[in-house]
Each structure stands twice: as structure tokens, then as C-alpha cells.
Amino acid sequence: MIEKKKMVDQRHITSLFLAGLLLILISMKSFAEQSTPLVHDLDMTIGNPESRVTVVDYSSLTCPHCATFHAEIFPKLKEEYIDTGKVNLIFREVYFDGPGLWASMVARCRDKDAFFPTIDLLFRKQDVWSSSSSQIDIVNGLTSIGKQVGLSDKEVLDCLKDRDKAKDLVAWYKNNSANARKRNSWNRSPQFKAGHSRYEIVDCFG
């Protein structure tokens, strides 16, 4: 009974998200004169960069709710809106802890084409690589993820040892966080905004 209710709730969440996004697509004419969110060099994007709708996804790779979103809702969003050119999505990682940062660095080991498949695998295997309290076990788990996307042990460890990249990512995250807090708009993850104005498309993971 509990499992059935969970499935019904998840379908309801998915419907709400997609319905909200559809309303934005319909109403974007009124925002046509406004600029879309600026893209930072560290932002990862997927979709049509010329789309009049840009969705920004703020997610932590160690957040279970974010993993649920990317497993249950993101595939539908990608199929119906991103792959059809209606939406451009900007993905920005949120670093609540060290393992979340390490996972991000592994996802960024290769070129941008490999980023989203790696993110997908990190979310799907989140309970495997992130569940240990041992840093060694977490690094071993991330090394295993790296192997599954074609990275050698050395490549993963070299990425994790890149202090300059880590500093750049943390500074980027802090800047994103500060900007969001100035708008009083960031109190949970995943978070989303569309176009120039921020929209609470989904408010179910708080």
C-alpha cells in the first residue's frame, strides 16, 4: 500500500512539474524581451541554446531527492522538452559536502559530452557510492563509477587531486548560492528557474 501510494505521488509530482513547465512555455511571449540566465564557463548545458525557455537545475549529487528527480522526472523532461528543442537546461551542482564536490569533479574528468551520462550514473548509483562514512570507500565508489564511463583509476584520482579545479568549483558554487540568496530564492534542492524570472516549478522536495 505504501509503495503504491509512493508511485501515485511520484506520478502526481511528474505531472505537476511538466504542467508547470508547459505553462511557462505558453507564457514566454511576455518575457521575450528579457534575457535568459547568463551561462558561466563551468555551467553544463543540454538542449537548444536558442530556445526561449532556459531551465536552471541546481542539484546536489549526494541529495536523495535530487536523485529521485533525475530518475523519475528528468527523463520525461528531456524527452518532451529538451530533445525536441523547446528547452535549454543549465545544470549547476550544489556542494553540501565533500563527496558531492568529489562526484562533480569525476563527472567533469572528461569532455562535456560525457558529463550528463556520468551525472545520470552518479544519481542512479548514489546509494552505492555515497552511503559510506569512510572517505576511502567513497573514493573507491567514485573510482568504480569512473571505470563505468571509461576512466582509468589514475584518471579518476588525478581529477580528484586537482586542487585548482576544486577551488574554482567551490567559488562558482558560492557565487551561485550568494546570488540566489540575494533573491531569497534558495532554500532547498533541487531548485529550478526559467528564463529571466525564477519559477518554483517543483516544490516537493523540501
Protein backbone atom coordinates (compact mmCIF):
# COMPACT_ATOMS: atom_id res chain seq x y z
CA MET A 1 0.00 0.00 0.00
CA ILE A 2 2.82 2.40 0.91
CA GLU A 3 4.68 1.56 -2.29
CA LYS A 4 1.52 2.09 -4.36
CA LYS A 5 0.93 5.48 -2.71
CA LYS A 6 4.55 6.45 -3.41
CA MET A 7 4.09 5.61 -7.10
CA VAL A 8 0.87 7.65 -7.28
CA ASP A 9 2.56 10.59 -5.54
CA GLN A 10 5.52 10.41 -7.92
CA ARG A 11 3.24 10.42 -10.97
CA HIS A 12 1.45 13.41 -9.48
CA ILE A 13 4.78 15.20 -8.96
CA THR A 14 5.82 14.47 -12.53
CA SER A 15 2.53 15.78 -13.87
CA LEU A 16 2.79 18.97 -11.81
CA PHE A 17 6.32 19.63 -12.99
CA LEU A 18 5.55 19.11 -16.67
CA ALA A 19 2.31 21.09 -16.42
CA GLY A 20 4.19 23.96 -14.80
CA LEU A 21 6.83 23.91 -17.50
CA LEU A 22 4.14 23.85 -20.19
CA LEU A 23 2.56 26.97 -18.68
CA ILE A 24 5.92 28.68 -18.83
CA LEU A 25 6.37 27.69 -22.47
CA ILE A 26 2.94 29.11 -23.29
CA SER A 27 3.52 32.36 -21.40
CA MET A 28 7.09 33.05 -22.51
CA LYS A 29 5.94 35.61 -25.11
CA SER A 30 5.53 38.12 -22.30
CA PHE A 31 9.17 37.57 -21.31
CA ALA A 32 10.60 37.65 -24.83
CA GLU A 33 12.32 40.97 -24.22
CA GLN A 34 14.10 39.70 -21.09
CA SER A 35 17.45 37.98 -21.14
CA THR A 36 17.89 34.34 -20.15
CA PRO A 37 20.21 33.42 -17.25
CA LEU A 38 23.85 34.11 -18.01
CA VAL A 39 25.86 30.97 -18.69
CA HIS A 40 29.09 30.57 -16.73
CA ASP A 41 32.06 28.68 -18.15
CA LEU A 42 31.52 25.97 -15.52
CA ASP A 43 27.81 25.56 -16.30
CA MET A 44 26.88 22.37 -18.12
CA THR A 45 24.10 22.72 -20.66
CA ILE A 46 21.90 20.41 -22.68
CA GLY A 47 19.22 21.29 -25.20
CA ASN A 48 18.64 24.11 -27.63
CA PRO A 49 20.69 27.21 -26.72
CA GLU A 50 18.40 29.28 -28.94
CA SER A 51 15.29 28.23 -27.05
CA ARG A 52 13.23 30.99 -25.48
CA VAL A 53 13.00 28.90 -22.32
CA THR A 54 16.06 28.17 -20.20
CA VAL A 55 15.63 25.98 -17.13
CA VAL A 56 18.36 26.10 -14.49
CA ASP A 57 18.65 22.98 -12.34
CA TYR A 58 20.50 23.32 -9.01
CA SER A 59 21.16 19.82 -7.66
CA SER A 60 23.46 18.10 -5.18
CA LEU A 61 24.90 14.76 -6.27
CA THR A 62 24.53 13.45 -2.70
CA CYS A 63 20.92 14.61 -2.30
CA PRO A 64 18.42 11.68 -2.39
CA HIS A 65 15.60 13.97 -3.52
CA CYS A 66 17.71 15.16 -6.44
CA ALA A 67 18.44 11.54 -7.37
CA THR A 68 14.70 10.84 -7.31
CA PHE A 69 14.03 13.81 -9.58
CA HIS A 70 16.67 12.72 -12.07
CA ALA A 71 15.38 9.16 -12.07
CA GLU A 72 11.65 9.85 -12.22
CA ILE A 73 11.10 13.29 -13.77
CA PHE A 74 14.17 14.33 -15.74
CA PRO A 75 13.80 11.58 -18.42
CA LYS A 76 10.31 12.90 -19.23
CA LEU A 77 11.53 16.48 -19.26
CA LYS A 78 14.38 15.51 -21.58
CA GLU A 79 12.17 13.51 -23.94
CA GLU A 80 9.34 16.03 -24.28
CA TYR A 81 11.10 19.38 -23.94
CA ILE A 82 14.90 19.20 -24.18
CA ASP A 83 15.28 16.71 -27.04
CA THR A 84 12.56 18.50 -29.02
CA GLY A 85 14.38 21.84 -28.79
CA LYS A 86 11.76 23.58 -26.65
CA VAL A 87 14.02 23.98 -23.60
CA ASN A 88 17.67 24.64 -22.87
CA LEU A 89 18.76 23.26 -19.48
CA ILE A 90 21.65 24.58 -17.41
CA PHE A 91 22.88 22.18 -14.73
CA ARG A 92 24.60 23.67 -11.69
CA GLU A 93 25.91 21.44 -8.93
CA VAL A 94 25.32 22.31 -5.27
CA TYR A 95 28.05 21.29 -2.83
CA PHE A 96 26.64 20.47 0.59
CA ASP A 97 29.54 18.15 1.42
CA GLY A 98 32.91 16.87 0.24
CA PRO A 99 31.60 13.77 -1.56
CA GLY A 100 29.24 15.93 -3.61
CA LEU A 101 32.20 18.01 -4.79
CA TRP A 102 34.29 14.90 -5.49
CA ALA A 103 31.48 13.38 -7.56
CA SER A 104 31.22 16.60 -9.56
CA MET A 105 34.96 16.52 -10.25
CA VAL A 106 34.68 12.93 -11.52
CA ALA A 107 31.79 13.94 -13.79
CA ARG A 108 34.00 16.72 -15.19
CA CYS A 109 37.02 14.48 -15.83
CA ARG A 110 36.20 14.11 -19.49
CA ASP A 111 34.71 16.38 -22.13
CA LYS A 112 31.25 17.95 -21.83
CA ASP A 113 29.65 15.20 -23.92
CA ALA A 114 30.45 12.72 -21.13
CA PHE A 115 29.14 14.94 -18.33
CA PHE A 116 25.43 14.18 -18.39
CA PRO A 117 25.81 10.39 -18.84
CA THR A 118 28.18 10.43 -15.84
CA ILE A 119 25.75 12.54 -13.81
CA ASP A 120 22.99 10.07 -14.66
CA LEU A 121 25.11 7.17 -13.43
CA LEU A 122 26.12 9.02 -10.25
CA PHE A 123 22.47 9.65 -9.40
CA ARG A 124 21.39 6.08 -10.22
CA LYS A 125 24.22 4.61 -8.12
CA GLN A 126 24.08 7.28 -5.41
CA ASP A 127 23.13 4.89 -2.63
CA VAL A 128 26.12 2.70 -3.51
CA TRP A 129 29.00 5.20 -3.71
CA SER A 130 27.81 7.85 -1.21
CA SER A 131 26.45 5.74 1.66
CA SER A 132 29.72 5.05 3.48
CA SER A 133 31.12 7.27 6.23
CA SER A 134 34.62 6.31 5.09
CA GLN A 135 36.27 8.71 2.65
CA ILE A 136 38.32 5.84 1.24
CA ASP A 137 35.17 3.85 0.49
CA ILE A 138 33.58 6.87 -1.20
CA VAL A 139 36.66 7.44 -3.36
CA ASN A 140 36.64 3.73 -4.26
CA GLY A 141 32.97 4.04 -5.19
CA LEU A 142 33.66 7.07 -7.38
CA THR A 143 36.56 5.21 -8.99
CA SER A 144 34.14 2.42 -9.85
CA ILE A 145 31.76 4.97 -11.40
CA GLY A 146 34.67 6.38 -13.37
CA LYS A 147 35.53 2.97 -14.77
CA GLN A 148 31.96 2.54 -15.99
CA VAL A 149 32.27 5.69 -18.09
CA GLY A 150 35.69 4.82 -19.47
CA LEU A 151 38.08 6.42 -16.98
CA SER A 152 41.08 4.63 -15.53
CA ASP A 153 41.81 4.60 -11.80
CA LYS A 154 44.66 7.04 -12.39
CA GLU A 155 42.45 9.44 -14.35
CA VAL A 156 39.86 9.50 -11.57
CA LEU A 157 42.47 10.04 -8.86
CA ASP A 158 44.18 12.76 -10.92
CA CYS A 159 40.84 14.56 -11.25
CA LEU A 160 40.19 14.28 -7.52
CA LYS A 161 43.65 15.68 -6.76
CA ASP A 162 43.13 18.76 -8.94
CA ARG A 163 43.04 21.43 -6.23
CA ASP A 164 42.75 24.32 -8.68
CA LYS A 165 39.63 22.78 -10.23
CA ALA A 166 38.20 22.14 -6.75
CA LYS A 167 38.77 25.77 -5.75
CA ASP A 168 37.18 27.01 -8.98
CA LEU A 169 34.11 24.80 -8.47
CA VAL A 170 33.66 25.84 -4.84
CA ALA A 171 33.99 29.53 -5.77
CA TRP A 172 31.44 29.03 -8.58
CA TYR A 173 29.03 27.29 -6.20
CA LYS A 174 29.40 30.01 -3.57
CA ASN A 175 28.71 32.67 -6.19
CA ASN A 176 25.58 30.82 -7.36
CA SER A 177 24.46 30.44 -3.75
CA ALA A 178 25.06 34.10 -2.91
CA ASN A 179 23.19 35.29 -5.98
CA ALA A 180 20.24 33.03 -5.18
CA ARG A 181 20.11 34.15 -1.54
CA LYS A 182 20.09 37.79 -2.65
CA ARG A 183 16.83 36.93 -4.38
CA ASN A 184 15.64 35.00 -1.30
CA SER A 185 15.09 32.11 -3.67
CA TRP A 186 17.21 29.20 -2.49
CA ASN A 187 16.09 27.07 0.44
CA ARG A 188 16.21 23.51 -0.87
CA SER A 189 17.47 21.35 -3.71
CA PRO A 190 16.70 20.58 -6.44
CA GLN A 191 15.81 24.15 -7.40
CA PHE A 192 14.74 25.49 -10.76
CA LYS A 193 14.29 28.79 -12.52
CA ALA A 194 13.20 29.51 -16.06
CA GLY A 195 14.01 32.41 -18.32
CA HIS A 196 14.98 35.68 -16.66
CA SER A 197 12.41 35.28 -13.87
CA ARG A 198 12.67 32.48 -11.34
CA TYR A 199 9.82 29.95 -11.16
CA GLU A 200 9.11 27.40 -8.42
CA ILE A 201 8.18 24.69 -10.89
CA VAL A 202 8.56 21.93 -8.32
CA ASP A 203 8.19 22.40 -4.58
CA CYS A 204 8.01 18.85 -3.33
CA PHE A 205 11.50 18.02 -2.11
CA GLY A 206 11.87 20.48 0.76
